[in-house]
Amino acid sequence: MNLIYQKQIQVTEEHIDRNKHVNNVQYVHWVEEIAGEHWEKVKEKTEYPEDIWMLVDHHIQYKKQVYLGDVITVKTYPKAPEGIRQPRKVEFYCNDQLVVDSSTLWVLVDSKTQKIKRLESDWLDKLG
């Protein structure tokens, strides 16, 4: 499993707020979107392809503004599990500068029982 997933986003009018820069809520949407895309690419290589991730904690730091027409590179990767929580970083770059930094905590939920699953502490290592 490639633990780093990235993509580029062209900033369009729909992403802009009344202050003429990317709306802060848009970044939260992108955090969830890229985490989901990454999981879709790798889930079949895990023991949990039918299970779903639920976001339980989210911290975000806005460092610089991004404007209409800018191209953002979004990079995400999981970090070592913390008990039942799976940390994930999402970083947003514009012109090779970190503009937004996000740390999230997720839990894996069994799709049939709707109960949280405890992952082995080395589950990410097994995918490499």
C-alpha atoms as a PDB file:
ATOM      1  CA  MET A   1       0.000   0.000   0.000  1.00  0.00           C
ATOM      2  CA  ASN A   2       1.283   3.390  -0.881  1.00  0.00           C
ATOM      3  CA  LEU A   3       0.770   5.274   2.356  1.00  0.00           C
ATOM      4  CA  ILE A   4       0.839   8.648   0.583  1.00  0.00           C
ATOM      5  CA  TYR A   5      -1.960   9.686  -1.748  1.00  0.00           C
ATOM      6  CA  GLN A   6      -2.127  13.018  -3.495  1.00  0.00           C
ATOM      7  CA  LYS A   7      -4.058  14.914  -6.105  1.00  0.00           C
ATOM      8  CA  GLN A   8      -4.343  18.390  -7.526  1.00  0.00           C
ATOM      9  CA  ILE A   9      -7.357  20.663  -7.320  1.00  0.00           C
ATOM     10  CA  GLN A  10      -7.974  23.712  -9.493  1.00  0.00           C
ATOM     11  CA  VAL A  11      -9.670  26.399  -7.387  1.00  0.00           C
ATOM     12  CA  THR A  12     -12.930  27.446  -9.026  1.00  0.00           C
ATOM     13  CA  GLU A  13     -15.640  29.963  -8.224  1.00  0.00           C
ATOM     14  CA  GLU A  14     -17.581  27.400  -6.167  1.00  0.00           C
ATOM     15  CA  HIS A  15     -14.664  27.163  -3.703  1.00  0.00           C
ATOM     16  CA  ILE A  16     -14.441  30.923  -3.085  1.00  0.00           C
ATOM     17  CA  ASP A  17     -16.137  32.809  -0.236  1.00  0.00           C
ATOM     18  CA  ARG A  18     -17.167  36.459   0.081  1.00  0.00           C
ATOM     19  CA  ASN A  19     -13.582  37.333   1.106  1.00  0.00           C
ATOM     20  CA  LYS A  20     -12.423  36.137  -2.345  1.00  0.00           C
ATOM     21  CA  HIS A  21     -10.339  33.214  -1.082  1.00  0.00           C
ATOM     22  CA  VAL A  22     -11.025  29.501  -0.600  1.00  0.00           C
ATOM     23  CA  ASN A  23     -13.749  29.043   2.009  1.00  0.00           C
ATOM     24  CA  ASN A  24     -12.508  27.356   5.201  1.00  0.00           C
ATOM     25  CA  VAL A  25     -15.436  24.910   5.084  1.00  0.00           C
ATOM     26  CA  GLN A  26     -14.250  23.821   1.634  1.00  0.00           C
ATOM     27  CA  TYR A  27     -10.984  22.575   3.138  1.00  0.00           C
ATOM     28  CA  VAL A  28     -12.924  20.419   5.614  1.00  0.00           C
ATOM     29  CA  HIS A  29     -14.864  18.936   2.684  1.00  0.00           C
ATOM     30  CA  TRP A  30     -11.619  18.229   0.826  1.00  0.00           C
ATOM     31  CA  VAL A  31     -10.117  16.544   3.917  1.00  0.00           C
ATOM     32  CA  GLU A  32     -12.996  14.072   4.029  1.00  0.00           C
ATOM     33  CA  GLU A  33     -13.013  13.644   0.255  1.00  0.00           C
ATOM     34  CA  ILE A  34      -9.314  12.812  -0.130  1.00  0.00           C
ATOM     35  CA  ALA A  35      -9.360  10.425   2.851  1.00  0.00           C
ATOM     36  CA  GLY A  36     -12.266   8.587   1.196  1.00  0.00           C
ATOM     37  CA  GLU A  37     -10.522   8.478  -2.173  1.00  0.00           C
ATOM     38  CA  HIS A  38      -7.370   7.088  -0.585  1.00  0.00           C
ATOM     39  CA  TRP A  39      -9.347   4.352   1.205  1.00  0.00           C
ATOM     40  CA  GLU A  40     -11.154   3.413  -2.023  1.00  0.00           C
ATOM     41  CA  LYS A  41      -7.780   2.891  -3.728  1.00  0.00           C
ATOM     42  CA  VAL A  42      -6.352   0.624  -1.011  1.00  0.00           C
ATOM     43  CA  LYS A  43      -9.222  -1.065   0.840  1.00  0.00           C
ATOM     44  CA  GLU A  44      -9.152  -4.255  -1.245  1.00  0.00           C
ATOM     45  CA  LYS A  45      -5.576  -4.834  -0.055  1.00  0.00           C
ATOM     46  CA  THR A  46      -6.739  -4.892   3.575  1.00  0.00           C
ATOM     47  CA  GLU A  47      -8.743  -7.247   5.746  1.00  0.00           C
ATOM     48  CA  TYR A  48     -11.458  -4.581   5.967  1.00  0.00           C
ATOM     49  CA  PRO A  49     -12.741  -3.813   2.448  1.00  0.00           C
ATOM     50  CA  GLU A  50     -16.407  -3.650   3.502  1.00  0.00           C
ATOM     51  CA  ASP A  51     -15.867  -1.501   6.580  1.00  0.00           C
ATOM     52  CA  ILE A  52     -16.150   2.267   6.786  1.00  0.00           C
ATOM     53  CA  TRP A  53     -14.174   5.055   8.426  1.00  0.00           C
ATOM     54  CA  MET A  54     -15.856   7.588  10.684  1.00  0.00           C
ATOM     55  CA  LEU A  55     -14.229  10.935  11.441  1.00  0.00           C
ATOM     56  CA  VAL A  56     -14.156  11.564  15.206  1.00  0.00           C
ATOM     57  CA  ASP A  57     -11.733  14.480  15.628  1.00  0.00           C
ATOM     58  CA  HIS A  58     -10.445  17.160  13.295  1.00  0.00           C
ATOM     59  CA  HIS A  59      -7.836  19.884  13.764  1.00  0.00           C
ATOM     60  CA  ILE A  60      -6.988  22.288  10.974  1.00  0.00           C
ATOM     61  CA  GLN A  61      -4.565  25.169  10.732  1.00  0.00           C
ATOM     62  CA  TYR A  62      -4.864  27.785   7.993  1.00  0.00           C
ATOM     63  CA  LYS A  63      -1.456  29.236   7.149  1.00  0.00           C
ATOM     64  CA  LYS A  64      -1.991  31.165   3.893  1.00  0.00           C
ATOM     65  CA  GLN A  65      -4.899  32.125   1.683  1.00  0.00           C
ATOM     66  CA  VAL A  66      -5.579  30.502  -1.680  1.00  0.00           C
ATOM     67  CA  TYR A  67      -7.449  32.275  -4.475  1.00  0.00           C
ATOM     68  CA  LEU A  68      -9.476  31.686  -7.617  1.00  0.00           C
ATOM     69  CA  GLY A  69      -7.402  29.978 -10.303  1.00  0.00           C
ATOM     70  CA  ASP A  70      -4.741  28.651  -7.949  1.00  0.00           C
ATOM     71  CA  VAL A  71      -3.815  24.979  -8.127  1.00  0.00           C
ATOM     72  CA  ILE A  72      -3.615  23.131  -4.820  1.00  0.00           C
ATOM     73  CA  THR A  73      -1.737  19.883  -4.277  1.00  0.00           C
ATOM     74  CA  VAL A  74      -3.424  17.839  -1.544  1.00  0.00           C
ATOM     75  CA  LYS A  75      -1.388  15.126   0.146  1.00  0.00           C
ATOM     76  CA  THR A  76      -2.690  12.637   2.715  1.00  0.00           C
ATOM     77  CA  TYR A  77      -1.261   9.722   4.631  1.00  0.00           C
ATOM     78  CA  PRO A  78      -2.165   7.658   7.707  1.00  0.00           C
ATOM     79  CA  LYS A  79       0.043   7.716  10.781  1.00  0.00           C
ATOM     80  CA  ALA A  80       0.574   4.958  13.351  1.00  0.00           C
ATOM     81  CA  PRO A  81      -2.685   3.884  15.033  1.00  0.00           C
ATOM     82  CA  GLU A  82      -3.477   5.144  18.537  1.00  0.00           C
ATOM     83  CA  GLY A  83      -5.624   2.451  20.147  1.00  0.00           C
ATOM     84  CA  ILE A  84      -8.919   2.388  18.263  1.00  0.00           C
ATOM     85  CA  ARG A  85      -8.143   5.714  16.575  1.00  0.00           C
ATOM     86  CA  GLN A  86      -6.378   6.012  13.242  1.00  0.00           C
ATOM     87  CA  PRO A  87      -4.624   9.382  12.779  1.00  0.00           C
ATOM     88  CA  ARG A  88      -4.389  10.847   9.291  1.00  0.00           C
ATOM     89  CA  LYS A  89      -2.586  13.926   7.997  1.00  0.00           C
ATOM     90  CA  VAL A  90      -3.872  16.025   5.129  1.00  0.00           C
ATOM     91  CA  GLU A  91      -1.644  18.799   3.794  1.00  0.00           C
ATOM     92  CA  PHE A  92      -2.537  21.421   1.201  1.00  0.00           C
ATOM     93  CA  TYR A  93       0.200  23.055  -0.858  1.00  0.00           C
ATOM     94  CA  CYS A  94       0.031  25.992  -3.253  1.00  0.00           C
ATOM     95  CA  ASN A  95       3.166  26.989  -5.154  1.00  0.00           C
ATOM     96  CA  ASP A  96       5.106  24.452  -3.063  1.00  0.00           C
ATOM     97  CA  GLN A  97       4.117  26.203   0.188  1.00  0.00           C
ATOM     98  CA  LEU A  98       2.098  24.528   2.926  1.00  0.00           C
ATOM     99  CA  VAL A  99      -1.104  26.578   3.120  1.00  0.00           C
ATOM    100  CA  VAL A 100      -3.350  24.339   5.251  1.00  0.00           C
ATOM    101  CA  ASP A 101      -2.381  21.559   7.661  1.00  0.00           C
ATOM    102  CA  SER A 102      -4.954  19.092   8.988  1.00  0.00           C
ATOM    103  CA  SER A 103      -4.737  16.292  11.541  1.00  0.00           C
ATOM    104  CA  THR A 104      -7.709  13.981  11.895  1.00  0.00           C
ATOM    105  CA  LEU A 105      -8.633  10.934  13.940  1.00  0.00           C
ATOM    106  CA  TRP A 106     -10.807   8.194  12.471  1.00  0.00           C
ATOM    107  CA  VAL A 107     -12.308   4.952  13.748  1.00  0.00           C
ATOM    108  CA  LEU A 108     -13.072   1.918  11.609  1.00  0.00           C
ATOM    109  CA  VAL A 109     -16.695   0.802  11.835  1.00  0.00           C
ATOM    110  CA  ASP A 110     -17.877  -2.697  10.947  1.00  0.00           C
ATOM    111  CA  SER A 111     -20.401  -2.185   8.140  1.00  0.00           C
ATOM    112  CA  LYS A 112     -22.624  -5.030   9.369  1.00  0.00           C
ATOM    113  CA  THR A 113     -22.645  -4.546  13.148  1.00  0.00           C
ATOM    114  CA  GLN A 114     -22.022  -0.767  13.163  1.00  0.00           C
ATOM    115  CA  LYS A 115     -19.491  -1.333  15.965  1.00  0.00           C
ATOM    116  CA  ILE A 116     -16.014   0.152  16.116  1.00  0.00           C
ATOM    117  CA  LYS A 117     -13.217  -2.262  15.236  1.00  0.00           C
ATOM    118  CA  ARG A 118      -9.864  -2.318  16.963  1.00  0.00           C
ATOM    119  CA  LEU A 119      -7.075  -2.542  14.414  1.00  0.00           C
ATOM    120  CA  GLU A 120      -3.767  -4.218  15.090  1.00  0.00           C
ATOM    121  CA  SER A 121      -1.068  -1.654  15.834  1.00  0.00           C
ATOM    122  CA  ASP A 122       0.956  -2.842  12.822  1.00  0.00           C
ATOM    123  CA  TRP A 123      -1.897  -3.112  10.316  1.00  0.00           C
ATOM    124  CA  LEU A 124      -0.369  -0.433   8.073  1.00  0.00           C
ATOM    125  CA  ASP A 125       3.012  -2.216   8.026  1.00  0.00           C
ATOM    126  CA  LYS A 126       1.348  -5.335   6.673  1.00  0.00           C
ATOM    127  CA  LEU A 127       0.212  -3.420   3.602  1.00  0.00           C
ATOM    128  CA  GLY A 128       3.636  -2.192   2.538  1.00  0.00           C
END
